[in-house]
Amino acid sequence: MRTDFSDEGAWDAVRAALDAAGEYPHATYVSELRFAGVGVQTLVDEEAAADEDDQVIYMFLADAATMRDPDHSLLAVDLADEPGRTFRVPARWFPDISANLSIANMDFAEFADAADGSGSFRGFDEG
């Protein structure tokens, strides 16, 4: 979900990086001005108030930091188990994380716990 609308070219670059990251289409893009500047706490509050059938478990935000970052790191937000917990996801890792979360093969916390000192997930250490 896009929350920064300051640079259309940057948004195009983010979508291109996500589309190039995997073999198959894997992202659903939401670009609506009503989400401009929306923060994590707002999302958490809205999800808590939503009917159970309408709740979202996690979300990936394309915020101002995403638009400036050469890796186009999205902000992953947990909206279910630990509402408000976040980590950054460089575009190249998005397909792996999204797929594993969508089939419940892994939990949000597993990726968040593997984030590096900067708060970004860059894969699991094999060592």
C-alpha atoms as a PDB file:
ATOM      1  CA  MET A   1       0.000   0.000   0.000  1.00  0.00           C
ATOM      2  CA  ARG A   2       1.414   3.333  -1.057  1.00  0.00           C
ATOM      3  CA  THR A   3       1.524   5.969   1.685  1.00  0.00           C
ATOM      4  CA  ASP A   4       3.936   8.436   0.012  1.00  0.00           C
ATOM      5  CA  PHE A   5       2.772  10.400  -3.014  1.00  0.00           C
ATOM      6  CA  SER A   6       5.665  12.834  -3.365  1.00  0.00           C
ATOM      7  CA  ASP A   7       7.391  11.216  -6.366  1.00  0.00           C
ATOM      8  CA  GLU A   8       5.507   9.356  -9.097  1.00  0.00           C
ATOM      9  CA  GLY A   9       8.760   8.174 -10.679  1.00  0.00           C
ATOM     10  CA  ALA A  10       9.859   6.603  -7.397  1.00  0.00           C
ATOM     11  CA  TRP A  11       6.526   4.770  -7.129  1.00  0.00           C
ATOM     12  CA  ASP A  12       7.010   3.455 -10.672  1.00  0.00           C
ATOM     13  CA  ALA A  13      10.510   2.270  -9.697  1.00  0.00           C
ATOM     14  CA  VAL A  14       9.177   0.495  -6.585  1.00  0.00           C
ATOM     15  CA  ARG A  15       6.565  -1.373  -8.624  1.00  0.00           C
ATOM     16  CA  ALA A  16       9.147  -2.274 -11.277  1.00  0.00           C
ATOM     17  CA  ALA A  17      11.519  -3.618  -8.610  1.00  0.00           C
ATOM     18  CA  LEU A  18       8.747  -5.717  -7.062  1.00  0.00           C
ATOM     19  CA  ASP A  19       7.627  -7.028 -10.447  1.00  0.00           C
ATOM     20  CA  ALA A  20      11.218  -7.971 -11.326  1.00  0.00           C
ATOM     21  CA  ALA A  21      11.826  -9.698  -7.987  1.00  0.00           C
ATOM     22  CA  GLY A  22      10.034 -12.922  -8.775  1.00  0.00           C
ATOM     23  CA  GLU A  23       9.049 -15.214 -11.550  1.00  0.00           C
ATOM     24  CA  TYR A  24       5.308 -14.687 -11.085  1.00  0.00           C
ATOM     25  CA  PRO A  25       3.195 -11.636 -10.246  1.00  0.00           C
ATOM     26  CA  HIS A  26       2.917 -11.505  -6.477  1.00  0.00           C
ATOM     27  CA  ALA A  27       1.960  -8.007  -5.388  1.00  0.00           C
ATOM     28  CA  THR A  28      -1.367  -6.240  -5.256  1.00  0.00           C
ATOM     29  CA  TYR A  29      -0.787  -2.500  -5.489  1.00  0.00           C
ATOM     30  CA  VAL A  30      -2.939  -0.018  -3.616  1.00  0.00           C
ATOM     31  CA  SER A  31      -2.337   3.604  -4.550  1.00  0.00           C
ATOM     32  CA  GLU A  32      -5.121   5.756  -3.157  1.00  0.00           C
ATOM     33  CA  LEU A  33      -4.591   9.282  -1.884  1.00  0.00           C
ATOM     34  CA  ARG A  34      -6.733   8.551   1.180  1.00  0.00           C
ATOM     35  CA  PHE A  35      -3.763   6.509   2.470  1.00  0.00           C
ATOM     36  CA  ALA A  36      -1.274   9.385   2.115  1.00  0.00           C
ATOM     37  CA  GLY A  37       0.847   9.546   5.239  1.00  0.00           C
ATOM     38  CA  VAL A  38      -1.040   6.779   7.041  1.00  0.00           C
ATOM     39  CA  GLY A  39       0.984   5.406   9.931  1.00  0.00           C
ATOM     40  CA  VAL A  40       1.376   2.019  11.531  1.00  0.00           C
ATOM     41  CA  GLN A  41      -0.771   2.856  14.565  1.00  0.00           C
ATOM     42  CA  THR A  42      -3.638   3.981  12.345  1.00  0.00           C
ATOM     43  CA  LEU A  43      -3.525   0.652  10.520  1.00  0.00           C
ATOM     44  CA  VAL A  44      -3.416  -1.273  13.793  1.00  0.00           C
ATOM     45  CA  ASP A  45      -6.396   0.676  15.144  1.00  0.00           C
ATOM     46  CA  GLU A  46      -8.424   0.201  11.960  1.00  0.00           C
ATOM     47  CA  GLU A  47      -7.748  -3.533  11.893  1.00  0.00           C
ATOM     48  CA  ALA A  48      -8.722  -3.902  15.552  1.00  0.00           C
ATOM     49  CA  ALA A  49     -12.041  -2.184  14.796  1.00  0.00           C
ATOM     50  CA  ALA A  50     -12.754  -4.189  11.620  1.00  0.00           C
ATOM     51  CA  ASP A  51     -15.091  -7.178  11.484  1.00  0.00           C
ATOM     52  CA  GLU A  52     -13.170 -10.432  11.774  1.00  0.00           C
ATOM     53  CA  ASP A  53     -13.930 -11.395   8.156  1.00  0.00           C
ATOM     54  CA  ASP A  54     -12.498  -8.068   6.941  1.00  0.00           C
ATOM     55  CA  GLN A  55      -9.278  -8.104   8.942  1.00  0.00           C
ATOM     56  CA  VAL A  56      -5.862  -8.214   7.301  1.00  0.00           C
ATOM     57  CA  ILE A  57      -3.054 -10.126   9.009  1.00  0.00           C
ATOM     58  CA  TYR A  58      -0.106  -8.162   7.609  1.00  0.00           C
ATOM     59  CA  MET A  59       0.574  -5.349   5.170  1.00  0.00           C
ATOM     60  CA  PHE A  60       3.506  -3.947   3.229  1.00  0.00           C
ATOM     61  CA  LEU A  61       3.769  -0.161   3.015  1.00  0.00           C
ATOM     62  CA  ALA A  62       5.545   1.860   0.354  1.00  0.00           C
ATOM     63  CA  ASP A  63       6.318   4.875   2.530  1.00  0.00           C
ATOM     64  CA  ALA A  64       8.711   7.816   2.123  1.00  0.00           C
ATOM     65  CA  ALA A  65      11.683   5.655   3.150  1.00  0.00           C
ATOM     66  CA  THR A  66      10.729   3.099   0.476  1.00  0.00           C
ATOM     67  CA  MET A  67      10.707   5.790  -2.179  1.00  0.00           C
ATOM     68  CA  ARG A  68      14.196   7.032  -1.214  1.00  0.00           C
ATOM     69  CA  ASP A  69      15.824   3.635  -0.688  1.00  0.00           C
ATOM     70  CA  PRO A  70      17.751   2.178  -3.673  1.00  0.00           C
ATOM     71  CA  ASP A  71      16.600  -1.311  -2.517  1.00  0.00           C
ATOM     72  CA  HIS A  72      12.976  -0.042  -2.395  1.00  0.00           C
ATOM     73  CA  SER A  73      12.514  -1.570   1.065  1.00  0.00           C
ATOM     74  CA  LEU A  74       8.872  -1.839   2.011  1.00  0.00           C
ATOM     75  CA  LEU A  75       7.731  -1.566   5.605  1.00  0.00           C
ATOM     76  CA  ALA A  76       6.189  -4.895   6.646  1.00  0.00           C
ATOM     77  CA  VAL A  77       3.563  -4.425   9.359  1.00  0.00           C
ATOM     78  CA  ASP A  78       2.112  -7.152  11.577  1.00  0.00           C
ATOM     79  CA  LEU A  79      -1.585  -6.497  12.162  1.00  0.00           C
ATOM     80  CA  ALA A  80      -2.493  -9.730  13.965  1.00  0.00           C
ATOM     81  CA  ASP A  81      -0.045 -11.519  16.270  1.00  0.00           C
ATOM     82  CA  GLU A  82       2.030  -8.551  17.472  1.00  0.00           C
ATOM     83  CA  PRO A  83       0.100  -5.580  16.083  1.00  0.00           C
ATOM     84  CA  GLY A  84       2.424  -2.780  15.072  1.00  0.00           C
ATOM     85  CA  ARG A  85       5.606  -4.849  14.851  1.00  0.00           C
ATOM     86  CA  THR A  86       7.551  -3.896  11.734  1.00  0.00           C
ATOM     87  CA  PHE A  87      10.634  -4.645   9.697  1.00  0.00           C
ATOM     88  CA  ARG A  88      11.928  -3.518   6.305  1.00  0.00           C
ATOM     89  CA  VAL A  89      11.809  -5.759   3.247  1.00  0.00           C
ATOM     90  CA  PRO A  90      14.017  -4.978   0.235  1.00  0.00           C
ATOM     91  CA  ALA A  91      12.042  -5.611  -2.954  1.00  0.00           C
ATOM     92  CA  ARG A  92      14.137  -8.654  -3.857  1.00  0.00           C
ATOM     93  CA  TRP A  93      12.941 -10.484  -0.707  1.00  0.00           C
ATOM     94  CA  PHE A  94       9.277  -9.545  -0.996  1.00  0.00           C
ATOM     95  CA  PRO A  95       8.159 -12.603  -3.029  1.00  0.00           C
ATOM     96  CA  ASP A  96       9.671 -15.067  -0.545  1.00  0.00           C
ATOM     97  CA  ILE A  97       8.167 -13.353   2.472  1.00  0.00           C
ATOM     98  CA  SER A  98       4.777 -12.734   0.907  1.00  0.00           C
ATOM     99  CA  ALA A  99       4.454 -16.328  -0.328  1.00  0.00           C
ATOM    100  CA  ASN A 100       5.472 -17.859   2.991  1.00  0.00           C
ATOM    101  CA  LEU A 101       3.127 -15.615   4.959  1.00  0.00           C
ATOM    102  CA  SER A 102       0.196 -16.158   2.596  1.00  0.00           C
ATOM    103  CA  ILE A 103       0.346 -19.953   2.922  1.00  0.00           C
ATOM    104  CA  ALA A 104       1.145 -19.785   6.663  1.00  0.00           C
ATOM    105  CA  ASN A 105       4.391 -21.652   6.079  1.00  0.00           C
ATOM    106  CA  MET A 106       6.142 -19.111   8.308  1.00  0.00           C
ATOM    107  CA  ASP A 107       5.021 -16.470  10.779  1.00  0.00           C
ATOM    108  CA  PHE A 108       5.643 -12.738  10.620  1.00  0.00           C
ATOM    109  CA  ALA A 109       7.812 -13.010  13.735  1.00  0.00           C
ATOM    110  CA  GLU A 110      10.210 -15.442  12.051  1.00  0.00           C
ATOM    111  CA  PHE A 111      11.082 -12.824   9.447  1.00  0.00           C
ATOM    112  CA  ALA A 112      11.068  -9.938  11.927  1.00  0.00           C
ATOM    113  CA  ASP A 113      13.360 -11.872  14.285  1.00  0.00           C
ATOM    114  CA  ALA A 114      15.804 -12.422  11.404  1.00  0.00           C
ATOM    115  CA  ALA A 115      16.023  -8.701  10.578  1.00  0.00           C
ATOM    116  CA  ASP A 116      19.503  -7.208  10.740  1.00  0.00           C
ATOM    117  CA  GLY A 117      20.649  -4.331  12.955  1.00  0.00           C
ATOM    118  CA  SER A 118      19.056  -1.805  10.595  1.00  0.00           C
ATOM    119  CA  GLY A 119      15.687  -3.537  10.952  1.00  0.00           C
ATOM    120  CA  SER A 120      15.774  -5.050   7.444  1.00  0.00           C
ATOM    121  CA  PHE A 121      15.235  -8.659   6.486  1.00  0.00           C
ATOM    122  CA  ARG A 122      17.996  -9.738   4.083  1.00  0.00           C
ATOM    123  CA  GLY A 123      17.578 -13.482   4.177  1.00  0.00           C
ATOM    124  CA  PHE A 124      18.313 -16.134   6.749  1.00  0.00           C
ATOM    125  CA  ASP A 125      21.903 -16.786   7.748  1.00  0.00           C
ATOM    126  CA  GLU A 126      22.882 -20.198   6.502  1.00  0.00           C
ATOM    127  CA  GLY A 127      25.916 -20.393   8.792  1.00  0.00           C
END
